[in-house]
Protein backbone atom coordinates (compact mmCIF):
# COMPACT_ATOMS: atom_id res chain seq x y z
CA MET A 1 63.76 26.93 -17.71
CA ILE A 2 62.86 23.39 -16.88
CA ILE A 3 59.06 22.60 -16.22
CA PHE A 4 57.74 19.60 -14.59
CA ASN A 5 54.24 18.34 -14.88
CA TYR A 6 52.94 16.21 -11.69
CA GLN A 7 50.00 13.85 -12.88
CA LYS A 8 49.14 10.82 -10.90
CA GLY A 9 51.54 11.04 -8.36
CA VAL A 10 54.33 11.09 -11.06
CA LEU A 11 56.64 14.20 -11.29
CA LYS A 12 57.75 14.10 -14.88
CA LEU A 13 59.52 16.84 -17.41
CA ALA A 14 57.03 18.55 -18.93
CA THR A 15 56.93 18.07 -22.92
CA ASN A 16 56.33 21.29 -25.30
CA ASP A 17 52.57 20.31 -25.40
CA ASP A 18 52.45 20.22 -21.64
CA LYS A 19 54.05 23.78 -21.57
CA LYS A 20 51.66 25.42 -24.01
CA LYS A 21 48.70 24.04 -21.80
CA LEU A 22 50.12 25.29 -18.94
CA ILE A 23 50.71 28.68 -20.45
CA GLU A 24 46.91 28.76 -22.12
CA LEU A 25 45.47 27.70 -18.43
CA LEU A 26 47.41 30.46 -16.83
CA ALA A 27 46.43 32.93 -19.48
CA PHE A 28 42.78 31.89 -18.64
CA GLY A 29 43.26 32.17 -14.79
CA ARG A 30 44.42 35.55 -15.19
CA ALA A 31 41.61 36.58 -17.18
CA LEU A 32 38.96 35.21 -14.88
CA ARG A 33 40.62 36.86 -12.03
CA ARG A 34 40.78 40.16 -13.66
CA LEU A 35 37.06 40.10 -14.84
CA ARG A 36 35.94 38.73 -11.21
CA LYS A 37 37.85 41.91 -9.54
CA VAL A 38 36.49 44.49 -12.13
CA ASN A 39 33.06 43.04 -11.08
CA GLN A 40 34.17 43.21 -7.44
CA LEU A 41 33.39 39.54 -6.61
CA THR A 42 35.25 37.35 -4.40
CA GLN A 43 35.84 34.09 -5.23
CA ASP A 44 33.14 32.76 -2.99
CA GLU A 45 30.76 35.42 -4.18
CA LEU A 46 31.34 33.98 -8.01
CA SER A 47 31.25 30.70 -6.60
CA LEU A 48 27.75 31.54 -5.54
CA TYR A 49 26.42 33.29 -8.46
CA SER A 50 27.82 30.86 -10.87
CA ARG A 51 27.28 27.55 -8.95
CA VAL A 52 31.12 26.79 -9.55
CA ASP A 53 32.90 25.53 -6.57
CA ARG A 54 35.07 27.88 -4.76
CA SER A 55 38.07 25.88 -4.78
CA TYR A 56 37.55 24.93 -8.38
CA ILE A 57 37.37 28.37 -9.21
CA SER A 58 40.89 29.07 -7.25
CA GLU A 59 42.28 26.25 -9.57
CA LEU A 60 40.92 27.69 -12.58
CA GLU A 61 42.71 31.13 -11.64
CA ASN A 62 45.76 29.43 -10.70
CA GLY A 63 45.82 27.76 -14.03
CA GLU A 64 45.89 24.32 -12.40
CA LYS A 65 42.46 23.25 -14.28
CA ALA A 66 40.94 23.70 -17.34
CA PRO A 67 37.19 24.73 -17.84
CA SER A 68 34.60 22.86 -19.71
CA LEU A 69 32.06 25.04 -21.79
CA LEU A 70 29.34 24.83 -19.68
CA THR A 71 31.88 26.31 -16.65
CA ILE A 72 32.78 29.00 -18.92
CA ILE A 73 29.00 29.58 -19.71
CA SER A 74 28.32 29.62 -16.10
CA LEU A 75 31.06 31.85 -15.21
CA ALA A 76 30.34 34.47 -17.67
CA ASN A 77 26.48 34.31 -16.74
CA ALA A 78 27.78 35.16 -13.04
CA LEU A 79 30.09 37.89 -14.29
CA HIS A 80 27.16 39.54 -16.49
CA ILE A 81 29.13 38.92 -19.78
CA LYS A 82 28.85 36.76 -22.79
CA PRO A 83 31.06 33.76 -22.88
CA SER A 84 32.80 35.16 -25.96
CA VAL A 85 33.85 38.18 -23.80
CA LEU A 86 35.69 35.72 -21.07
CA ILE A 87 37.27 33.99 -24.29
CA GLU A 88 38.26 37.38 -25.80
CA ASN A 89 39.85 38.21 -22.51
CA PHE A 90 41.49 34.77 -22.29
CA GLU A 91 42.94 35.54 -26.04
CA MET A 92 44.21 39.16 -24.81
CA GLU A 93 46.02 37.57 -22.06
CA PHE A 94 47.30 34.58 -24.04
CA LYS A 95 48.92 37.17 -26.53
CA GLU A 96 50.84 39.02 -23.63
């Protein structure tokens, strides 16, 4: 499979490092979406409780952005879990 990476208005062939980043971001997004749904929250509600913009949550869940440590902490607090639990869920998704 050929994967392309779009940055700064330029479409280029993704390197192996880019592919690994994409896979990791997708795994984090799946973990976040699953935990949000387990808590029966919409993206809007998670945004309200975490103070993270709803569009950014969408980008995280779709593997388009990488969260900062502060974002992970805010999301975990809004989900009533420890940040380590969010990371553990990411690790489980990444292994699959």
